[in-house]
Amino acid sequence: MTLRDITDKIAKAEISAGRPAGSVSLIAVSKVQPDERVEAVLQEGQRVFGENKVQEAAGKWPAFRSQFEGVQLHLIGPLQTNKARQAMELADYIHTLDRPKLAQTLARLAQELGRCPDLFIQVNTGEEDQKAGILPADADGFIAECQALDLPVRGLMCIPPVDEEASLHFALLAKIAARNGLSGLSMGMSSDFEKAIALGATHIRVGSAIFGDRVAG
């Protein structure tokens, strides 16, 4: 599958859902991809990318940003508080705000730096022990807590359990966002992004379908 195939599918899914063209942002997940694959996708015109690890992003994106204008970087992996400053200096968006300690750290650093990336709160919709994220029952309170810290919370993010129907989790995330007045929904990956778009996704995260299988390094 090519980048063009993915963008065509997104466009069709937007039409099917009765949504405006261009209302869904495609995040090309470039984690553990070799630079030549990433550069090829940049050459095709893609400008929105996602990385899991701050260290990998730091080693890759400053050089690409100097070469390609308009790059937008999204951090979509778990964020340790000791990496928060570097993450805020690198990224335009952070999708994994998932606990009070991280919220407080980001708020303090935002005051120091005079800026803060746009934020998505990660919700553990499947209530899985091994997965990060605020539990659905705690989401409203945590959203309010983050807003009280003056953090720029733009929306919510989830990663559904692999063995459950993703649409149920997308619908739950959309419901939590709606009742809290949040418009951003970071949900949907290579295998299920069309379902996510039907249920209101504003950002979808697609890796292997664009780049091919990951290369461990």
C-alpha atoms as a PDB file:
ATOM      1  CA  MET A   1       0.000   0.000   0.000  1.00  0.00           C
ATOM      2  CA  THR A   2       1.248   3.492  -0.806  1.00  0.00           C
ATOM      3  CA  LEU A   3       0.793   6.862   0.869  1.00  0.00           C
ATOM      4  CA  ARG A   4      -1.574   7.792  -1.953  1.00  0.00           C
ATOM      5  CA  ASP A   5      -3.676   4.680  -1.286  1.00  0.00           C
ATOM      6  CA  ILE A   6      -4.016   5.687   2.361  1.00  0.00           C
ATOM      7  CA  THR A   7      -4.951   9.289   1.584  1.00  0.00           C
ATOM      8  CA  ASP A   8      -7.528   8.069  -0.955  1.00  0.00           C
ATOM      9  CA  LYS A   9      -9.064   5.777   1.675  1.00  0.00           C
ATOM     10  CA  ILE A  10      -9.178   8.647   4.169  1.00  0.00           C
ATOM     11  CA  ALA A  11     -10.939  10.867   1.625  1.00  0.00           C
ATOM     12  CA  LYS A  12     -13.534   8.158   0.913  1.00  0.00           C
ATOM     13  CA  ALA A  13     -14.079   7.545   4.632  1.00  0.00           C
ATOM     14  CA  GLU A  14     -14.619  11.292   5.192  1.00  0.00           C
ATOM     15  CA  ILE A  15     -17.252  11.335   2.449  1.00  0.00           C
ATOM     16  CA  SER A  16     -18.962   8.204   3.816  1.00  0.00           C
ATOM     17  CA  ALA A  17     -19.112   9.766   7.276  1.00  0.00           C
ATOM     18  CA  GLY A  18     -20.483  13.038   5.888  1.00  0.00           C
ATOM     19  CA  ARG A  19     -17.449  14.917   7.109  1.00  0.00           C
ATOM     20  CA  PRO A  20     -15.633  17.791   5.373  1.00  0.00           C
ATOM     21  CA  ALA A  21     -12.688  16.898   3.153  1.00  0.00           C
ATOM     22  CA  GLY A  22      -9.440  17.323   5.048  1.00  0.00           C
ATOM     23  CA  SER A  23     -11.007  17.034   8.500  1.00  0.00           C
ATOM     24  CA  VAL A  24      -8.789  14.046   9.354  1.00  0.00           C
ATOM     25  CA  SER A  25      -5.050  14.468   9.865  1.00  0.00           C
ATOM     26  CA  LEU A  26      -2.885  11.502   8.852  1.00  0.00           C
ATOM     27  CA  ILE A  27       0.014  10.918  11.253  1.00  0.00           C
ATOM     28  CA  ALA A  28       2.659   8.804   9.516  1.00  0.00           C
ATOM     29  CA  VAL A  29       4.156   6.735  12.329  1.00  0.00           C
ATOM     30  CA  SER A  30       7.866   6.695  11.556  1.00  0.00           C
ATOM     31  CA  LYS A  31       9.170   5.029  14.736  1.00  0.00           C
ATOM     32  CA  VAL A  32      12.030   2.573  14.119  1.00  0.00           C
ATOM     33  CA  GLN A  33      11.898   3.270  10.387  1.00  0.00           C
ATOM     34  CA  PRO A  34      15.200   3.868   8.614  1.00  0.00           C
ATOM     35  CA  ASP A  35      15.861   7.438   7.528  1.00  0.00           C
ATOM     36  CA  GLU A  36      15.678   6.596   3.835  1.00  0.00           C
ATOM     37  CA  ARG A  37      12.076   5.356   4.184  1.00  0.00           C
ATOM     38  CA  VAL A  38      11.098   8.459   6.134  1.00  0.00           C
ATOM     39  CA  GLU A  39      12.772  10.716   3.592  1.00  0.00           C
ATOM     40  CA  ALA A  40      10.935   8.987   0.743  1.00  0.00           C
ATOM     41  CA  VAL A  41       7.588   9.724   2.426  1.00  0.00           C
ATOM     42  CA  LEU A  42       8.659  13.328   3.033  1.00  0.00           C
ATOM     43  CA  GLN A  43       9.531  13.603  -0.654  1.00  0.00           C
ATOM     44  CA  GLU A  44       5.974  12.461  -1.456  1.00  0.00           C
ATOM     45  CA  GLY A  45       4.662  15.473   0.452  1.00  0.00           C
ATOM     46  CA  GLN A  46       3.713  13.998   3.841  1.00  0.00           C
ATOM     47  CA  ARG A  47       4.501  16.455   6.647  1.00  0.00           C
ATOM     48  CA  VAL A  48       2.807  15.035   9.762  1.00  0.00           C
ATOM     49  CA  PHE A  49       4.756  12.310  11.567  1.00  0.00           C
ATOM     50  CA  GLY A  50       4.548  10.351  14.817  1.00  0.00           C
ATOM     51  CA  GLU A  51       7.350   9.043  17.008  1.00  0.00           C
ATOM     52  CA  ASN A  52       7.188   6.859  20.107  1.00  0.00           C
ATOM     53  CA  LYS A  53      10.454   7.755  21.802  1.00  0.00           C
ATOM     54  CA  VAL A  54      11.845  11.201  22.530  1.00  0.00           C
ATOM     55  CA  GLN A  55      15.427  10.028  21.998  1.00  0.00           C
ATOM     56  CA  GLU A  56      14.679   8.616  18.556  1.00  0.00           C
ATOM     57  CA  ALA A  57      12.767  11.746  17.580  1.00  0.00           C
ATOM     58  CA  ALA A  58      15.677  13.930  18.714  1.00  0.00           C
ATOM     59  CA  GLY A  59      18.088  11.968  16.552  1.00  0.00           C
ATOM     60  CA  LYS A  60      15.922  12.142  13.450  1.00  0.00           C
ATOM     61  CA  TRP A  61      13.767  15.232  13.169  1.00  0.00           C
ATOM     62  CA  PRO A  62      15.986  18.298  13.622  1.00  0.00           C
ATOM     63  CA  ALA A  63      17.849  17.347  10.435  1.00  0.00           C
ATOM     64  CA  PHE A  64      14.674  16.560   8.484  1.00  0.00           C
ATOM     65  CA  ARG A  65      13.089  19.820   9.658  1.00  0.00           C
ATOM     66  CA  SER A  66      16.045  21.774   8.304  1.00  0.00           C
ATOM     67  CA  GLN A  67      15.556  20.048   4.952  1.00  0.00           C
ATOM     68  CA  PHE A  68      11.734  20.003   4.670  1.00  0.00           C
ATOM     69  CA  GLU A  69       9.447  22.892   5.569  1.00  0.00           C
ATOM     70  CA  GLY A  70       6.222  22.482   7.502  1.00  0.00           C
ATOM     71  CA  VAL A  71       7.014  19.282   9.390  1.00  0.00           C
ATOM     72  CA  GLN A  72       4.639  18.620  12.299  1.00  0.00           C
ATOM     73  CA  LEU A  73       5.841  16.143  14.917  1.00  0.00           C
ATOM     74  CA  HIS A  74       3.524  14.159  17.194  1.00  0.00           C
ATOM     75  CA  LEU A  75       4.832  12.157  20.162  1.00  0.00           C
ATOM     76  CA  ILE A  76       2.569   9.134  20.497  1.00  0.00           C
ATOM     77  CA  GLY A  77       4.486   6.878  22.914  1.00  0.00           C
ATOM     78  CA  PRO A  78       4.612   6.808  26.713  1.00  0.00           C
ATOM     79  CA  LEU A  79       6.342   9.885  28.109  1.00  0.00           C
ATOM     80  CA  GLN A  80       8.559   9.779  31.186  1.00  0.00           C
ATOM     81  CA  THR A  81       8.588  12.961  33.248  1.00  0.00           C
ATOM     82  CA  ASN A  82      12.392  13.198  32.949  1.00  0.00           C
ATOM     83  CA  LYS A  83      12.008  13.410  29.159  1.00  0.00           C
ATOM     84  CA  ALA A  84       9.214  15.970  29.282  1.00  0.00           C
ATOM     85  CA  ARG A  85      11.361  19.063  28.651  1.00  0.00           C
ATOM     86  CA  GLN A  86      13.008  17.517  25.590  1.00  0.00           C
ATOM     87  CA  ALA A  87       9.606  16.326  24.361  1.00  0.00           C
ATOM     88  CA  MET A  88       8.143  19.816  24.681  1.00  0.00           C
ATOM     89  CA  GLU A  89      11.063  21.363  22.816  1.00  0.00           C
ATOM     90  CA  LEU A  90      10.771  18.826  19.959  1.00  0.00           C
ATOM     91  CA  ALA A  91       7.094  18.109  19.483  1.00  0.00           C
ATOM     92  CA  ASP A  92       4.107  20.040  18.200  1.00  0.00           C
ATOM     93  CA  TYR A  93       1.684  17.565  19.796  1.00  0.00           C
ATOM     94  CA  ILE A  94       1.918  15.073  22.671  1.00  0.00           C
ATOM     95  CA  HIS A  95      -0.751  12.349  22.592  1.00  0.00           C
ATOM     96  CA  THR A  96       0.052  10.531  25.822  1.00  0.00           C
ATOM     97  CA  LEU A  97      -0.758  12.771  28.762  1.00  0.00           C
ATOM     98  CA  ASP A  98      -1.855  10.010  31.126  1.00  0.00           C
ATOM     99  CA  ARG A  99      -1.266  10.894  34.794  1.00  0.00           C
ATOM    100  CA  PRO A 100      -1.331  13.826  37.229  1.00  0.00           C
ATOM    101  CA  LYS A 101       2.438  13.895  37.785  1.00  0.00           C
ATOM    102  CA  LEU A 102       3.063  14.332  34.055  1.00  0.00           C
ATOM    103  CA  ALA A 103       0.384  17.036  33.841  1.00  0.00           C
ATOM    104  CA  GLN A 104       2.033  18.973  36.662  1.00  0.00           C
ATOM    105  CA  THR A 105       5.467  18.609  35.050  1.00  0.00           C
ATOM    106  CA  LEU A 106       4.194  19.837  31.685  1.00  0.00           C
ATOM    107  CA  ALA A 107       2.456  22.800  33.329  1.00  0.00           C
ATOM    108  CA  ARG A 108       5.644  23.812  35.157  1.00  0.00           C
ATOM    109  CA  LEU A 109       7.755  23.475  32.017  1.00  0.00           C
ATOM    110  CA  ALA A 110       5.209  25.410  29.970  1.00  0.00           C
ATOM    111  CA  GLN A 111       5.713  28.350  32.334  1.00  0.00           C
ATOM    112  CA  GLU A 112       9.500  28.060  32.021  1.00  0.00           C
ATOM    113  CA  LEU A 113       9.557  27.633  28.243  1.00  0.00           C
ATOM    114  CA  GLY A 114       6.740  30.021  27.445  1.00  0.00           C
ATOM    115  CA  ARG A 115       5.101  27.454  25.171  1.00  0.00           C
ATOM    116  CA  CYS A 116       3.486  24.034  25.283  1.00  0.00           C
ATOM    117  CA  PRO A 117       2.676  21.504  22.561  1.00  0.00           C
ATOM    118  CA  ASP A 118      -0.985  20.749  22.005  1.00  0.00           C
ATOM    119  CA  LEU A 119      -1.982  17.833  24.197  1.00  0.00           C
ATOM    120  CA  PHE A 120      -4.156  14.746  23.958  1.00  0.00           C
ATOM    121  CA  ILE A 121      -5.088  12.836  27.100  1.00  0.00           C
ATOM    122  CA  GLN A 122      -4.673   9.085  26.745  1.00  0.00           C
ATOM    123  CA  VAL A 123      -7.697   7.113  27.952  1.00  0.00           C
ATOM    124  CA  ASN A 124      -7.333   3.404  28.696  1.00  0.00           C
ATOM    125  CA  THR A 125     -10.725   2.538  27.234  1.00  0.00           C
ATOM    126  CA  GLY A 126     -10.141  -1.199  27.626  1.00  0.00           C
ATOM    127  CA  GLU A 127      -9.032  -0.809  31.257  1.00  0.00           C
ATOM    128  CA  GLU A 128      -6.015  -3.001  30.468  1.00  0.00           C
ATOM    129  CA  ASP A 129      -3.467  -3.431  33.254  1.00  0.00           C
ATOM    130  CA  GLN A 130      -0.474  -3.333  30.884  1.00  0.00           C
ATOM    131  CA  LYS A 131      -1.582  -0.200  29.067  1.00  0.00           C
ATOM    132  CA  ALA A 132      -1.084   3.431  30.039  1.00  0.00           C
ATOM    133  CA  GLY A 133      -3.930   5.897  30.202  1.00  0.00           C
ATOM    134  CA  ILE A 134      -6.562   7.349  32.506  1.00  0.00           C
ATOM    135  CA  LEU A 135      -9.462   5.012  33.215  1.00  0.00           C
ATOM    136  CA  PRO A 136     -12.759   6.093  31.619  1.00  0.00           C
ATOM    137  CA  ALA A 137     -14.355   6.639  35.034  1.00  0.00           C
ATOM    138  CA  ASP A 138     -11.553   9.051  35.976  1.00  0.00           C
ATOM    139  CA  ALA A 139     -11.365  10.883  32.643  1.00  0.00           C
ATOM    140  CA  ASP A 140     -13.712  13.802  33.393  1.00  0.00           C
ATOM    141  CA  GLY A 141     -11.887  14.671  36.593  1.00  0.00           C
ATOM    142  CA  PHE A 142      -8.456  14.433  34.994  1.00  0.00           C
ATOM    143  CA  ILE A 143      -9.508  16.584  32.025  1.00  0.00           C
ATOM    144  CA  ALA A 144     -10.722  19.252  34.464  1.00  0.00           C
ATOM    145  CA  GLU A 145      -7.473  18.981  36.437  1.00  0.00           C
ATOM    146  CA  CYS A 146      -5.393  19.502  33.286  1.00  0.00           C
ATOM    147  CA  GLN A 147      -7.516  22.447  32.193  1.00  0.00           C
ATOM    148  CA  ALA A 148      -7.143  24.007  35.649  1.00  0.00           C
ATOM    149  CA  LEU A 149      -3.370  23.833  35.115  1.00  0.00           C
ATOM    150  CA  ASP A 150      -3.917  25.891  31.932  1.00  0.00           C
ATOM    151  CA  LEU A 151      -2.649  23.062  29.729  1.00  0.00           C
ATOM    152  CA  PRO A 152      -3.696  23.157  26.045  1.00  0.00           C
ATOM    153  CA  VAL A 153      -5.748  19.946  26.021  1.00  0.00           C
ATOM    154  CA  ARG A 154      -7.084  19.520  22.489  1.00  0.00           C
ATOM    155  CA  GLY A 155      -8.576  16.069  22.731  1.00  0.00           C
ATOM    156  CA  LEU A 156      -8.336  12.436  23.747  1.00  0.00           C
ATOM    157  CA  MET A 157      -6.394   9.422  22.497  1.00  0.00           C
ATOM    158  CA  CYS A 158      -6.949   5.682  22.822  1.00  0.00           C
ATOM    159  CA  ILE A 159      -5.475   2.362  21.699  1.00  0.00           C
ATOM    160  CA  PRO A 160      -8.234  -0.284  21.769  1.00  0.00           C
ATOM    161  CA  PRO A 161      -7.494  -3.832  22.972  1.00  0.00           C
ATOM    162  CA  VAL A 162      -6.367  -5.989  20.057  1.00  0.00           C
ATOM    163  CA  ASP A 163      -9.001  -8.653  20.720  1.00  0.00           C
ATOM    164  CA  GLU A 164     -12.033  -6.369  20.989  1.00  0.00           C
ATOM    165  CA  GLU A 165     -14.145  -4.509  18.453  1.00  0.00           C
ATOM    166  CA  ALA A 166     -12.356  -1.189  18.009  1.00  0.00           C
ATOM    167  CA  SER A 167     -15.545   0.730  17.197  1.00  0.00           C
ATOM    168  CA  LEU A 168     -16.853   0.294  20.743  1.00  0.00           C
ATOM    169  CA  HIS A 169     -13.718   1.962  22.100  1.00  0.00           C
ATOM    170  CA  PHE A 170     -13.794   4.746  19.500  1.00  0.00           C
ATOM    171  CA  ALA A 171     -17.426   5.466  20.382  1.00  0.00           C
ATOM    172  CA  LEU A 172     -16.595   5.578  24.109  1.00  0.00           C
ATOM    173  CA  LEU A 173     -13.692   7.982  23.516  1.00  0.00           C
ATOM    174  CA  ALA A 174     -15.905  10.237  21.370  1.00  0.00           C
ATOM    175  CA  LYS A 175     -18.568  10.284  24.082  1.00  0.00           C
ATOM    176  CA  ILE A 176     -16.080  11.292  26.800  1.00  0.00           C
ATOM    177  CA  ALA A 177     -14.632  14.010  24.545  1.00  0.00           C
ATOM    178  CA  ALA A 178     -18.039  15.412  23.624  1.00  0.00           C
ATOM    179  CA  ARG A 179     -19.245  15.790  27.184  1.00  0.00           C
ATOM    180  CA  ASN A 180     -16.015  17.617  28.065  1.00  0.00           C
ATOM    181  CA  GLY A 181     -16.152  19.961  25.090  1.00  0.00           C
ATOM    182  CA  LEU A 182     -13.059  18.495  23.393  1.00  0.00           C
ATOM    183  CA  SER A 183     -12.965  18.266  19.608  1.00  0.00           C
ATOM    184  CA  GLY A 184      -9.781  16.257  19.032  1.00  0.00           C
ATOM    185  CA  LEU A 185      -9.890  12.463  18.766  1.00  0.00           C
ATOM    186  CA  SER A 186      -6.611  10.626  18.168  1.00  0.00           C
ATOM    187  CA  MET A 187      -7.774   7.119  17.320  1.00  0.00           C
ATOM    188  CA  GLY A 188      -7.466   4.574  14.556  1.00  0.00           C
ATOM    189  CA  MET A 189      -4.451   2.806  13.120  1.00  0.00           C
ATOM    190  CA  SER A 190      -3.581   0.899   9.941  1.00  0.00           C
ATOM    191  CA  SER A 191      -6.177  -1.830  10.464  1.00  0.00           C
ATOM    192  CA  ASP A 192      -9.140   0.226  11.688  1.00  0.00           C
ATOM    193  CA  PHE A 193      -8.764   3.893  10.727  1.00  0.00           C
ATOM    194  CA  GLU A 194     -11.874   3.892   8.522  1.00  0.00           C
ATOM    195  CA  LYS A 195     -14.006   2.853  11.509  1.00  0.00           C
ATOM    196  CA  ALA A 196     -12.320   5.586  13.552  1.00  0.00           C
ATOM    197  CA  ILE A 197     -13.100   8.227  10.930  1.00  0.00           C
ATOM    198  CA  ALA A 198     -16.755   7.122  10.900  1.00  0.00           C
ATOM    199  CA  LEU A 199     -16.844   7.760  14.644  1.00  0.00           C
ATOM    200  CA  GLY A 200     -15.192  11.185  14.554  1.00  0.00           C
ATOM    201  CA  ALA A 201     -11.404  10.691  14.543  1.00  0.00           C
ATOM    202  CA  THR A 202      -9.506  13.900  13.837  1.00  0.00           C
ATOM    203  CA  HIS A 203      -6.055  12.255  13.904  1.00  0.00           C
ATOM    204  CA  ILE A 204      -5.263   8.727  12.759  1.00  0.00           C
ATOM    205  CA  ARG A 205      -1.927   6.990  13.323  1.00  0.00           C
ATOM    206  CA  VAL A 206      -0.734   4.846  10.420  1.00  0.00           C
ATOM    207  CA  GLY A 207       2.699   3.249  10.240  1.00  0.00           C
ATOM    208  CA  SER A 208       3.191  -0.109   8.556  1.00  0.00           C
ATOM    209  CA  ALA A 209       0.629   0.573   5.820  1.00  0.00           C
ATOM    210  CA  ILE A 210       2.722   3.543   4.706  1.00  0.00           C
ATOM    211  CA  PHE A 211       6.295   2.474   5.423  1.00  0.00           C
ATOM    212  CA  GLY A 212       6.122  -1.305   5.310  1.00  0.00           C
ATOM    213  CA  ASP A 213       7.060  -3.507   8.236  1.00  0.00           C
ATOM    214  CA  ARG A 214       9.125  -1.902  10.960  1.00  0.00           C
ATOM    215  CA  VAL A 215      12.829  -2.403  11.074  1.00  0.00           C
ATOM    216  CA  ALA A 216      14.010  -3.075  14.609  1.00  0.00           C
ATOM    217  CA  GLY A 217      17.150  -1.176  15.422  1.00  0.00           C
END
